[in-house]
Amino acid sequence: MEEAKIRKVDAIVIGGSAGSLEVILAIVAALPASTKTIIIIIVHRKNDAESLLENLIKSRTSLRVREVEDKDPLRYSTIYIAPPDYHLLFESRKEFSLDMTAKVQYSRPSIDVSFESAATIFKDSLAGLLLSGANADGTAGLISIASNGGIVLVQDPSSAEVDYMPQHALANAKVDFVVTANDLPAFIASICK
């Protein structure tokens, strides 16, 4: 882990599952209002008719917040949320797409699918962060981010409510930074453009 790897990025993908919500809310609250970075959040959640996640995030930030719909354009200075029961993909640096193919790691949206898709589009201008969770989703996606030159971040398992997901990533992927839950908001803010 080298200081030289800390750099500003065009997009940050954040993946989490059980125990990740409080960390996500702290991160979005710390994002500068002037950020030009695209923030994409992929969280394992139930397919409820009414989603509270978008409103919770909106209450913590002055940035635009949007749950993604198929063919939505990507806009800087925006926080995007993967909708439940769809894989979130990137068609280009300009557009999202949603997919209902089979679950990956028992999940849809799959963190792996979104991370891998983002890595092929944003390459070395992407940071991927994997948070607390109870399965192995996210590790393959972090490997793809690393192989495309992006920054790989993992929540310190000792600060995770459910440590399996970050521990799995640390054991299997090349990780640039391991950051505690308390330090993640400032760290993410520091790599935003």
N, C-alpha and C. Protein backbone atom coordinates (compact mmCIF):
# COMPACT_ATOMS: atom_id res chain seq x y z
N MET A 1 0.84 -1.18 0.00
CA MET A 1 0.00 0.00 0.00
C MET A 1 0.89 1.24 0.00
N GLU A 2 0.78 2.04 -1.05
CA GLU A 2 1.64 3.21 -1.21
C GLU A 2 0.81 4.47 -1.23
N GLU A 3 1.38 5.53 -0.68
CA GLU A 3 0.71 6.83 -0.72
C GLU A 3 0.49 7.31 -2.15
N ALA A 4 1.40 6.94 -3.07
CA ALA A 4 1.31 7.39 -4.46
C ALA A 4 0.03 6.93 -5.13
N LYS A 5 -0.60 5.90 -4.61
CA LYS A 5 -1.81 5.38 -5.23
C LYS A 5 -3.04 6.22 -4.90
N ILE A 6 -2.92 7.12 -3.94
CA ILE A 6 -4.05 8.00 -3.63
C ILE A 6 -4.13 9.04 -4.74
N ARG A 7 -5.23 9.03 -5.46
CA ARG A 7 -5.44 9.98 -6.55
C ARG A 7 -6.92 10.23 -6.71
N LYS A 8 -7.26 11.30 -7.38
CA LYS A 8 -8.66 11.63 -7.65
C LYS A 8 -9.18 10.70 -8.73
N VAL A 9 -10.47 10.35 -8.65
CA VAL A 9 -11.08 9.44 -9.62
C VAL A 9 -12.38 10.04 -10.16
N ASP A 10 -12.78 9.57 -11.35
CA ASP A 10 -14.03 10.02 -11.96
C ASP A 10 -15.25 9.33 -11.35
N ALA A 11 -15.06 8.09 -10.89
CA ALA A 11 -16.19 7.33 -10.35
C ALA A 11 -15.74 6.46 -9.18
N ILE A 12 -16.64 6.29 -8.23
CA ILE A 12 -16.42 5.40 -7.09
C ILE A 12 -17.61 4.46 -7.00
N VAL A 13 -17.33 3.15 -7.02
CA VAL A 13 -18.39 2.16 -6.80
C VAL A 13 -18.24 1.62 -5.39
N ILE A 14 -19.34 1.60 -4.67
CA ILE A 14 -19.35 1.16 -3.28
C ILE A 14 -20.30 -0.02 -3.18
N GLY A 15 -19.79 -1.16 -2.70
CA GLY A 15 -20.62 -2.35 -2.54
C GLY A 15 -20.71 -2.75 -1.10
N GLY A 16 -21.92 -3.09 -0.68
CA GLY A 16 -22.10 -3.51 0.71
C GLY A 16 -23.30 -4.42 0.86
N SER A 17 -23.32 -5.09 1.99
CA SER A 17 -24.44 -5.98 2.32
C SER A 17 -24.74 -5.78 3.80
N ALA A 18 -24.96 -6.86 4.51
CA ALA A 18 -25.33 -6.77 5.92
C ALA A 18 -24.32 -5.92 6.69
N GLY A 19 -24.83 -4.92 7.40
CA GLY A 19 -23.98 -4.09 8.24
C GLY A 19 -23.32 -2.91 7.55
N SER A 20 -23.68 -2.64 6.29
CA SER A 20 -22.99 -1.58 5.56
C SER A 20 -23.73 -0.23 5.56
N LEU A 21 -24.99 -0.21 5.93
CA LEU A 21 -25.80 1.00 5.77
C LEU A 21 -25.24 2.20 6.53
N GLU A 22 -24.89 2.03 7.78
CA GLU A 22 -24.40 3.18 8.56
C GLU A 22 -23.12 3.76 7.98
N VAL A 23 -22.25 2.90 7.46
CA VAL A 23 -21.01 3.37 6.85
C VAL A 23 -21.33 4.15 5.57
N ILE A 24 -22.24 3.63 4.77
CA ILE A 24 -22.64 4.32 3.53
C ILE A 24 -23.20 5.70 3.86
N LEU A 25 -24.06 5.79 4.85
CA LEU A 25 -24.65 7.07 5.22
C LEU A 25 -23.59 8.05 5.71
N ALA A 26 -22.60 7.55 6.44
CA ALA A 26 -21.51 8.43 6.90
C ALA A 26 -20.66 8.90 5.71
N ILE A 27 -20.43 8.02 4.75
CA ILE A 27 -19.64 8.40 3.57
C ILE A 27 -20.36 9.49 2.78
N VAL A 28 -21.63 9.30 2.48
CA VAL A 28 -22.33 10.30 1.65
C VAL A 28 -22.44 11.64 2.38
N ALA A 29 -22.54 11.59 3.70
CA ALA A 29 -22.62 12.83 4.47
C ALA A 29 -21.31 13.62 4.39
N ALA A 30 -20.20 12.94 4.17
CA ALA A 30 -18.89 13.60 4.14
C ALA A 30 -18.47 14.05 2.74
N LEU A 31 -19.24 13.69 1.72
CA LEU A 31 -18.87 14.08 0.36
C LEU A 31 -18.99 15.58 0.17
N PRO A 32 -17.97 16.21 -0.41
CA PRO A 32 -18.05 17.66 -0.62
C PRO A 32 -19.14 18.00 -1.63
N ALA A 33 -19.85 19.08 -1.37
CA ALA A 33 -20.93 19.52 -2.27
C ALA A 33 -20.39 19.84 -3.66
N SER A 34 -19.11 20.16 -3.74
CA SER A 34 -18.49 20.54 -5.01
C SER A 34 -17.95 19.35 -5.80
N THR A 35 -18.12 18.12 -5.28
CA THR A 35 -17.51 16.98 -5.97
C THR A 35 -18.03 16.82 -7.39
N LYS A 36 -17.14 16.43 -8.28
CA LYS A 36 -17.51 16.13 -9.67
C LYS A 36 -17.51 14.62 -9.91
N THR A 37 -17.21 13.85 -8.89
CA THR A 37 -17.13 12.40 -9.01
C THR A 37 -18.52 11.78 -9.04
N ILE A 38 -18.65 10.69 -9.81
CA ILE A 38 -19.88 9.90 -9.83
C ILE A 38 -19.75 8.84 -8.74
N ILE A 39 -20.75 8.74 -7.88
CA ILE A 39 -20.76 7.75 -6.80
C ILE A 39 -21.87 6.75 -7.11
N ILE A 40 -21.53 5.45 -7.12
CA ILE A 40 -22.51 4.41 -7.40
C ILE A 40 -22.53 3.45 -6.22
N ILE A 41 -23.72 3.22 -5.67
CA ILE A 41 -23.88 2.37 -4.49
C ILE A 41 -24.65 1.11 -4.88
N ILE A 42 -24.06 -0.04 -4.59
CA ILE A 42 -24.70 -1.33 -4.83
C ILE A 42 -24.84 -2.02 -3.49
N VAL A 43 -26.07 -2.20 -3.05
CA VAL A 43 -26.34 -2.80 -1.75
C VAL A 43 -27.31 -3.96 -1.93
N HIS A 44 -27.02 -5.07 -1.27
CA HIS A 44 -27.96 -6.19 -1.25
C HIS A 44 -29.15 -5.77 -0.40
N ARG A 45 -30.34 -5.78 -1.01
CA ARG A 45 -31.54 -5.40 -0.26
C ARG A 45 -32.76 -6.06 -0.87
N LYS A 46 -33.82 -6.06 -0.09
CA LYS A 46 -35.07 -6.69 -0.53
C LYS A 46 -35.75 -5.84 -1.59
N ASN A 47 -36.52 -6.49 -2.42
CA ASN A 47 -37.27 -5.80 -3.46
C ASN A 47 -38.60 -5.31 -2.88
N ASP A 48 -38.54 -4.21 -2.16
CA ASP A 48 -39.75 -3.62 -1.58
C ASP A 48 -40.38 -2.66 -2.59
N ALA A 49 -41.68 -2.55 -2.54
CA ALA A 49 -42.36 -1.60 -3.43
C ALA A 49 -41.90 -0.18 -3.13
N GLU A 50 -41.63 0.09 -1.86
CA GLU A 50 -41.19 1.43 -1.48
C GLU A 50 -39.78 1.33 -0.88
N SER A 51 -38.85 1.99 -1.52
CA SER A 51 -37.47 1.94 -1.04
C SER A 51 -37.16 3.17 -0.20
N LEU A 52 -36.67 2.93 0.99
CA LEU A 52 -36.30 4.03 1.87
C LEU A 52 -34.85 4.46 1.68
N LEU A 53 -34.05 3.63 1.00
CA LEU A 53 -32.63 3.91 0.87
C LEU A 53 -32.37 5.25 0.18
N GLU A 54 -33.08 5.52 -0.90
CA GLU A 54 -32.87 6.78 -1.62
C GLU A 54 -33.16 7.98 -0.72
N ASN A 55 -34.25 7.93 0.04
CA ASN A 55 -34.59 9.04 0.93
C ASN A 55 -33.59 9.18 2.08
N LEU A 56 -33.11 8.06 2.60
CA LEU A 56 -32.11 8.11 3.67
C LEU A 56 -30.85 8.80 3.17
N ILE A 57 -30.40 8.44 1.97
CA ILE A 57 -29.19 9.04 1.42
C ILE A 57 -29.42 10.52 1.11
N LYS A 58 -30.58 10.85 0.53
CA LYS A 58 -30.88 12.26 0.23
C LYS A 58 -30.85 13.12 1.49
N SER A 59 -31.24 12.55 2.61
CA SER A 59 -31.27 13.33 3.85
C SER A 59 -29.88 13.62 4.40
N ARG A 60 -28.84 12.97 3.84
CA ARG A 60 -27.48 13.14 4.35
C ARG A 60 -26.56 13.94 3.43
N THR A 61 -27.04 14.35 2.24
CA THR A 61 -26.15 14.99 1.28
C THR A 61 -26.86 16.07 0.48
N SER A 62 -26.09 17.01 -0.04
CA SER A 62 -26.66 18.02 -0.94
C SER A 62 -26.47 17.63 -2.41
N LEU A 63 -25.77 16.51 -2.65
CA LEU A 63 -25.60 16.03 -4.03
C LEU A 63 -26.91 15.44 -4.55
N ARG A 64 -27.04 15.38 -5.87
CA ARG A 64 -28.20 14.69 -6.46
C ARG A 64 -28.13 13.21 -6.11
N VAL A 65 -29.28 12.61 -5.81
CA VAL A 65 -29.36 11.19 -5.49
C VAL A 65 -30.45 10.59 -6.36
N ARG A 66 -30.14 9.45 -6.98
CA ARG A 66 -31.11 8.84 -7.89
C ARG A 66 -30.98 7.31 -7.87
N GLU A 67 -32.12 6.63 -7.72
CA GLU A 67 -32.13 5.19 -7.94
C GLU A 67 -32.16 4.98 -9.46
N VAL A 68 -31.25 4.18 -9.96
CA VAL A 68 -31.05 4.05 -11.41
C VAL A 68 -32.24 3.38 -12.08
N GLU A 69 -32.60 3.93 -13.24
CA GLU A 69 -33.56 3.30 -14.15
C GLU A 69 -32.81 2.95 -15.43
N ASP A 70 -33.32 1.96 -16.16
CA ASP A 70 -32.66 1.52 -17.37
C ASP A 70 -32.43 2.68 -18.33
N LYS A 71 -31.23 2.75 -18.88
CA LYS A 71 -30.79 3.77 -19.85
C LYS A 71 -30.63 5.16 -19.25
N ASP A 72 -30.60 5.27 -17.92
CA ASP A 72 -30.31 6.57 -17.29
C ASP A 72 -28.94 7.05 -17.72
N PRO A 73 -28.81 8.36 -17.96
CA PRO A 73 -27.47 8.89 -18.24
C PRO A 73 -26.66 9.02 -16.95
N LEU A 74 -25.34 8.86 -17.07
CA LEU A 74 -24.45 9.10 -15.94
C LEU A 74 -24.13 10.58 -15.90
N ARG A 75 -24.26 11.16 -14.73
CA ARG A 75 -23.94 12.58 -14.56
C ARG A 75 -22.99 12.71 -13.38
N TYR A 76 -22.01 13.58 -13.56
CA TYR A 76 -21.09 13.85 -12.45
C TYR A 76 -21.84 14.53 -11.31
N SER A 77 -21.24 14.55 -10.14
CA SER A 77 -21.83 15.18 -8.95
C SER A 77 -23.15 14.53 -8.55
N THR A 78 -23.26 13.22 -8.79
CA THR A 78 -24.50 12.50 -8.51
C THR A 78 -24.18 11.20 -7.79
N ILE A 79 -25.07 10.82 -6.86
CA ILE A 79 -24.99 9.53 -6.19
C ILE A 79 -26.09 8.65 -6.80
N TYR A 80 -25.68 7.52 -7.36
CA TYR A 80 -26.62 6.58 -7.96
C TYR A 80 -26.73 5.35 -7.07
N ILE A 81 -27.96 4.80 -7.00
CA ILE A 81 -28.22 3.62 -6.20
C ILE A 81 -28.74 2.52 -7.12
N ALA A 82 -28.13 1.34 -7.03
CA ALA A 82 -28.62 0.20 -7.81
C ALA A 82 -29.99 -0.20 -7.28
N PRO A 83 -30.98 -0.37 -8.18
CA PRO A 83 -32.30 -0.77 -7.71
C PRO A 83 -32.30 -2.24 -7.27
N PRO A 84 -33.21 -2.60 -6.40
CA PRO A 84 -33.27 -4.01 -5.99
C PRO A 84 -33.69 -4.90 -7.15
N ASP A 85 -33.16 -6.12 -7.16
CA ASP A 85 -33.54 -7.18 -8.09
C ASP A 85 -33.08 -6.95 -9.54
N TYR A 86 -32.13 -6.04 -9.75
CA TYR A 86 -31.54 -5.84 -11.07
C TYR A 86 -30.02 -5.76 -10.91
N HIS A 87 -29.29 -6.33 -11.88
CA HIS A 87 -27.86 -6.08 -11.96
C HIS A 87 -27.67 -4.71 -12.60
N LEU A 88 -26.78 -3.92 -12.06
CA LEU A 88 -26.49 -2.59 -12.59
C LEU A 88 -25.22 -2.66 -13.44
N LEU A 89 -25.35 -2.27 -14.71
CA LEU A 89 -24.25 -2.30 -15.67
C LEU A 89 -24.00 -0.92 -16.24
N PHE A 90 -22.82 -0.75 -16.82
CA PHE A 90 -22.43 0.50 -17.45
C PHE A 90 -22.30 0.26 -18.94
N GLU A 91 -23.11 0.96 -19.73
CA GLU A 91 -23.04 0.83 -21.19
C GLU A 91 -21.82 1.59 -21.71
N SER A 92 -21.53 2.70 -21.08
CA SER A 92 -20.42 3.58 -21.46
C SER A 92 -20.22 4.54 -20.29
N ARG A 93 -19.40 5.54 -20.48
CA ARG A 93 -19.27 6.56 -19.44
C ARG A 93 -20.50 7.46 -19.41
N LYS A 94 -21.45 7.19 -20.29
CA LYS A 94 -22.61 8.07 -20.41
C LYS A 94 -23.93 7.42 -20.03
N GLU A 95 -23.98 6.09 -19.86
CA GLU A 95 -25.29 5.47 -19.69
C GLU A 95 -25.22 4.17 -18.89
N PHE A 96 -26.25 3.96 -18.04
CA PHE A 96 -26.44 2.72 -17.31
C PHE A 96 -27.34 1.78 -18.09
N SER A 97 -27.29 0.49 -17.73
CA SER A 97 -28.34 -0.43 -18.15
C SER A 97 -28.62 -1.36 -16.98
N LEU A 98 -29.84 -1.90 -16.96
CA LEU A 98 -30.25 -2.83 -15.91
C LEU A 98 -30.47 -4.20 -16.54
N ASP A 99 -30.20 -5.23 -15.75
CA ASP A 99 -30.23 -6.60 -16.27
C ASP A 99 -30.87 -7.52 -15.24
N MET A 100 -31.68 -8.46 -15.71
CA MET A 100 -32.34 -9.40 -14.79
C MET A 100 -31.84 -10.83 -14.94
N THR A 101 -30.60 -11.01 -15.43
CA THR A 101 -30.07 -12.36 -15.54
C THR A 101 -29.93 -12.96 -14.14
N ALA A 102 -29.48 -14.21 -14.11
CA ALA A 102 -29.42 -14.97 -12.85
C ALA A 102 -28.62 -14.25 -11.77
N LYS A 103 -28.98 -14.54 -10.53
CA LYS A 103 -28.26 -13.98 -9.39
C LYS A 103 -26.81 -14.46 -9.42
N VAL A 104 -25.92 -13.61 -8.92
CA VAL A 104 -24.50 -13.94 -8.79
C VAL A 104 -24.18 -13.85 -7.30
N GLN A 105 -23.55 -14.87 -6.75
CA GLN A 105 -23.29 -14.93 -5.31
C GLN A 105 -24.61 -14.75 -4.54
N TYR A 106 -25.66 -15.35 -5.07
CA TYR A 106 -27.00 -15.30 -4.46
C TYR A 106 -27.60 -13.91 -4.42
N SER A 107 -27.08 -13.01 -5.24
CA SER A 107 -27.50 -11.61 -5.14
C SER A 107 -27.83 -11.00 -6.50
N ARG A 108 -28.84 -10.17 -6.49
CA ARG A 108 -29.17 -9.30 -7.63
C ARG A 108 -29.81 -8.06 -7.03
N PRO A 109 -29.09 -6.92 -7.00
CA PRO A 109 -27.88 -6.64 -7.76
C PRO A 109 -26.65 -7.34 -7.17
N SER A 110 -25.76 -7.72 -8.06
CA SER A 110 -24.50 -8.31 -7.65
C SER A 110 -23.43 -7.22 -7.64
N ILE A 111 -22.69 -7.16 -6.57
CA ILE A 111 -21.57 -6.21 -6.48
C ILE A 111 -20.53 -6.57 -7.53
N ASP A 112 -20.24 -7.87 -7.68
CA ASP A 112 -19.26 -8.30 -8.68
C ASP A 112 -19.63 -7.81 -10.07
N VAL A 113 -20.87 -8.01 -10.48
CA VAL A 113 -21.31 -7.63 -11.83
C VAL A 113 -21.11 -6.12 -12.05
N SER A 114 -21.53 -5.31 -11.09
CA SER A 114 -21.40 -3.85 -11.24
C SER A 114 -19.94 -3.41 -11.21
N PHE A 115 -19.15 -3.96 -10.29
CA PHE A 115 -17.73 -3.60 -10.21
C PHE A 115 -17.01 -3.96 -11.51
N GLU A 116 -17.27 -5.17 -12.03
CA GLU A 116 -16.61 -5.61 -13.27
C GLU A 116 -17.00 -4.73 -14.44
N SER A 117 -18.27 -4.38 -14.53
CA SER A 117 -18.74 -3.52 -15.62
C SER A 117 -18.12 -2.13 -15.52
N ALA A 118 -18.09 -1.56 -14.32
CA ALA A 118 -17.51 -0.23 -14.12
C ALA A 118 -16.02 -0.24 -14.44
N ALA A 119 -15.32 -1.32 -14.09
CA ALA A 119 -13.88 -1.40 -14.32
C ALA A 119 -13.55 -1.33 -15.80
N THR A 120 -14.37 -1.96 -16.64
CA THR A 120 -14.08 -1.95 -18.08
C THR A 120 -14.35 -0.58 -18.69
N ILE A 121 -15.19 0.21 -18.07
CA ILE A 121 -15.53 1.54 -18.60
C ILE A 121 -14.59 2.62 -18.06
N PHE A 122 -14.39 2.64 -16.74
CA PHE A 122 -13.63 3.72 -16.11
C PHE A 122 -12.14 3.44 -15.95
N LYS A 123 -11.74 2.19 -16.07
CA LYS A 123 -10.34 1.78 -16.00
C LYS A 123 -9.63 2.37 -14.76
N ASP A 124 -8.54 3.16 -14.99
CA ASP A 124 -7.76 3.65 -13.85
C ASP A 124 -8.36 4.88 -13.19
N SER A 125 -9.52 5.32 -13.67
CA SER A 125 -10.19 6.47 -13.05
C SER A 125 -11.36 6.01 -12.18
N LEU A 126 -11.25 4.77 -11.66
CA LEU A 126 -12.29 4.18 -10.82
C LEU A 126 -11.70 3.76 -9.49
N ALA A 127 -12.48 3.95 -8.44
CA ALA A 127 -12.16 3.36 -7.13
C ALA A 127 -13.32 2.45 -6.75
N GLY A 128 -13.00 1.29 -6.23
CA GLY A 128 -14.01 0.35 -5.75
C GLY A 128 -13.83 0.11 -4.27
N LEU A 129 -14.92 0.22 -3.52
CA LEU A 129 -14.90 0.03 -2.07
C LEU A 129 -15.84 -1.09 -1.70
N LEU A 130 -15.34 -2.08 -0.97
CA LEU A 130 -16.17 -3.18 -0.48
C LEU A 130 -16.32 -3.06 1.02
N LEU A 131 -17.58 -3.09 1.46
CA LEU A 131 -17.92 -2.90 2.87
C LEU A 131 -18.37 -4.21 3.52
N SER A 132 -18.92 -4.09 4.68
CA SER A 132 -19.43 -5.19 5.49
C SER A 132 -20.42 -6.06 4.71
N GLY A 133 -20.39 -7.37 4.96
CA GLY A 133 -21.34 -8.27 4.33
C GLY A 133 -21.05 -9.71 4.66
N ALA A 134 -22.03 -10.58 4.34
CA ALA A 134 -21.97 -11.97 4.78
C ALA A 134 -21.70 -12.97 3.67
N ASN A 135 -21.40 -12.52 2.44
CA ASN A 135 -21.03 -13.49 1.41
C ASN A 135 -19.81 -13.01 0.66
N ALA A 136 -19.43 -13.71 -0.41
CA ALA A 136 -18.19 -13.42 -1.13
C ALA A 136 -18.39 -12.43 -2.27
N ASP A 137 -19.58 -11.87 -2.43
CA ASP A 137 -19.83 -10.93 -3.52
C ASP A 137 -18.91 -9.73 -3.38
N GLY A 138 -18.32 -9.31 -4.48
CA GLY A 138 -17.44 -8.15 -4.49
C GLY A 138 -15.99 -8.47 -4.74
N THR A 139 -15.53 -9.63 -4.34
CA THR A 139 -14.12 -9.97 -4.49
C THR A 139 -13.71 -10.03 -5.96
N ALA A 140 -14.47 -10.75 -6.78
CA ALA A 140 -14.14 -10.85 -8.22
C ALA A 140 -14.18 -9.47 -8.86
N GLY A 141 -15.11 -8.63 -8.44
CA GLY A 141 -15.20 -7.28 -8.97
C GLY A 141 -13.99 -6.44 -8.59
N LEU A 142 -13.49 -6.59 -7.37
CA LEU A 142 -12.29 -5.86 -6.97
C LEU A 142 -11.08 -6.33 -7.77
N ILE A 143 -11.00 -7.62 -8.06
CA ILE A 143 -9.91 -8.14 -8.88
C ILE A 143 -9.95 -7.49 -10.25
N SER A 144 -11.13 -7.33 -10.82
CA SER A 144 -11.28 -6.69 -12.12
C SER A 144 -10.88 -5.21 -12.06
N ILE A 145 -11.28 -4.53 -11.00
CA ILE A 145 -10.89 -3.11 -10.83
C ILE A 145 -9.37 -3.00 -10.77
N ALA A 146 -8.73 -3.87 -10.00
CA ALA A 146 -7.27 -3.84 -9.90
C ALA A 146 -6.62 -4.11 -11.25
N SER A 147 -7.12 -5.08 -12.00
CA SER A 147 -6.49 -5.43 -13.28
C SER A 147 -6.69 -4.34 -14.33
N ASN A 148 -7.66 -3.45 -14.12
CA ASN A 148 -7.87 -2.32 -15.03
C ASN A 148 -7.21 -1.03 -14.52
N GLY A 149 -6.43 -1.14 -13.45
CA GLY A 149 -5.68 0.01 -12.95
C GLY A 149 -6.39 0.88 -11.95
N GLY A 150 -7.57 0.45 -11.49
CA GLY A 150 -8.32 1.24 -10.52
C GLY A 150 -7.80 1.08 -9.11
N ILE A 151 -8.36 1.87 -8.20
CA ILE A 151 -7.99 1.82 -6.78
C ILE A 151 -8.92 0.85 -6.07
N VAL A 152 -8.35 -0.07 -5.28
CA VAL A 152 -9.12 -1.08 -4.57
C VAL A 152 -9.08 -0.79 -3.07
N LEU A 153 -10.28 -0.60 -2.51
CA LEU A 153 -10.43 -0.27 -1.09
C LEU A 153 -11.31 -1.31 -0.41
N VAL A 154 -10.95 -1.66 0.79
CA VAL A 154 -11.75 -2.61 1.57
C VAL A 154 -11.90 -2.06 2.98
N GLN A 155 -13.12 -2.15 3.51
CA GLN A 155 -13.34 -1.77 4.91
C GLN A 155 -12.53 -2.71 5.80
N ASP A 156 -11.84 -2.17 6.76
CA ASP A 156 -11.11 -2.98 7.73
C ASP A 156 -12.11 -3.95 8.38
N PRO A 157 -11.88 -5.27 8.24
CA PRO A 157 -12.83 -6.23 8.81
C PRO A 157 -13.08 -6.04 10.30
N SER A 158 -12.08 -5.53 11.02
CA SER A 158 -12.27 -5.34 12.46
C SER A 158 -13.29 -4.25 12.76
N SER A 159 -13.59 -3.41 11.77
CA SER A 159 -14.59 -2.35 11.97
C SER A 159 -15.91 -2.66 11.27
N ALA A 160 -16.01 -3.85 10.69
CA ALA A 160 -17.23 -4.24 9.97
C ALA A 160 -18.20 -4.96 10.90
N GLU A 161 -19.46 -4.67 10.73
CA GLU A 161 -20.48 -5.36 11.52
C GLU A 161 -20.49 -6.85 11.17
N VAL A 162 -20.34 -7.16 9.89
CA VAL A 162 -20.22 -8.54 9.41
C VAL A 162 -18.93 -8.60 8.59
N ASP A 163 -17.93 -9.30 9.10
CA ASP A 163 -16.59 -9.20 8.52
C ASP A 163 -16.28 -10.15 7.37
N TYR A 164 -17.20 -11.06 7.02
CA TYR A 164 -16.88 -12.07 6.01
C TYR A 164 -16.52 -11.47 4.65
N MET A 165 -17.32 -10.54 4.17
CA MET A 165 -17.10 -9.97 2.84
C MET A 165 -15.74 -9.27 2.74
N PRO A 166 -15.40 -8.35 3.65
CA PRO A 166 -14.07 -7.74 3.53
C PRO A 166 -12.93 -8.72 3.77
N GLN A 167 -13.10 -9.68 4.66
CA GLN A 167 -12.04 -10.67 4.89
C GLN A 167 -11.81 -11.50 3.63
N HIS A 168 -12.89 -11.90 2.95
CA HIS A 168 -12.77 -12.68 1.73
C HIS A 168 -12.00 -11.89 0.67
N ALA A 169 -12.31 -10.61 0.55
CA ALA A 169 -11.60 -9.77 -0.41
C ALA A 169 -10.12 -9.66 -0.07
N LEU A 170 -9.81 -9.46 1.18
CA LEU A 170 -8.40 -9.33 1.59
C LEU A 170 -7.62 -10.61 1.33
N ALA A 171 -8.28 -11.76 1.46
CA ALA A 171 -7.61 -13.04 1.25
C ALA A 171 -7.43 -13.37 -0.23
N ASN A 172 -8.21 -12.73 -1.10
CA ASN A 172 -8.22 -13.17 -2.51
C ASN A 172 -7.93 -12.09 -3.54
N ALA A 173 -7.92 -10.83 -3.16
CA ALA A 173 -7.72 -9.74 -4.13
C ALA A 173 -6.53 -8.89 -3.73
N LYS A 174 -5.96 -8.19 -4.71
CA LYS A 174 -4.89 -7.23 -4.45
C LYS A 174 -5.57 -5.93 -3.99
N VAL A 175 -5.38 -5.58 -2.74
CA VAL A 175 -6.07 -4.44 -2.13
C VAL A 175 -5.06 -3.32 -1.90
N ASP A 176 -5.43 -2.11 -2.33
CA ASP A 176 -4.56 -0.96 -2.15
C ASP A 176 -4.66 -0.36 -0.75
N PHE A 177 -5.89 -0.28 -0.24
CA PHE A 177 -6.08 0.37 1.06
C PHE A 177 -7.12 -0.39 1.88
N VAL A 178 -6.81 -0.62 3.15
CA VAL A 178 -7.75 -1.18 4.12
C VAL A 178 -8.03 -0.04 5.10
N VAL A 179 -9.31 0.37 5.18
CA VAL A 179 -9.66 1.58 5.91
C VAL A 179 -10.77 1.27 6.92
N THR A 180 -10.63 1.78 8.12
CA THR A 180 -11.65 1.54 9.14
C THR A 180 -12.93 2.31 8.79
N ALA A 181 -14.03 1.86 9.35
CA ALA A 181 -15.32 2.52 9.13
C ALA A 181 -15.25 3.99 9.50
N ASN A 182 -14.58 4.33 10.59
CA ASN A 182 -14.48 5.73 11.03
C ASN A 182 -13.69 6.59 10.07
N ASP A 183 -12.70 6.00 9.39
CA ASP A 183 -11.84 6.77 8.49
C ASP A 183 -12.35 6.79 7.05
N LEU A 184 -13.29 5.93 6.71
CA LEU A 184 -13.75 5.86 5.32
C LEU A 184 -14.38 7.15 4.80
N PRO A 185 -15.23 7.85 5.56
CA PRO A 185 -15.82 9.08 5.01
C PRO A 185 -14.77 10.08 4.53
N ALA A 186 -13.77 10.35 5.34
CA ALA A 186 -12.73 11.31 4.96
C ALA A 186 -11.89 10.78 3.80
N PHE A 187 -11.61 9.48 3.80
CA PHE A 187 -10.80 8.90 2.73
C PHE A 187 -11.53 9.00 1.40
N ILE A 188 -12.80 8.64 1.37
CA ILE A 188 -13.58 8.72 0.11
C ILE A 188 -13.68 10.16 -0.35
N ALA A 189 -13.94 11.07 0.55
CA ALA A 189 -14.01 12.49 0.18
C ALA A 189 -12.69 12.96 -0.43
N SER A 190 -11.58 12.42 0.04
CA SER A 190 -10.25 12.87 -0.43
C SER A 190 -9.95 12.42 -1.86
N ILE A 191 -10.62 11.38 -2.35
CA ILE A 191 -10.35 10.92 -3.72
C ILE A 191 -11.40 11.40 -4.72
N CYS A 192 -12.36 12.18 -4.24
CA CYS A 192 -13.37 12.77 -5.15
C CYS A 192 -12.77 13.98 -5.85
N LYS A 193 -13.13 14.15 -7.12
CA LYS A 193 -12.66 15.32 -7.89
C LYS A 193 -13.46 16.54 -7.49
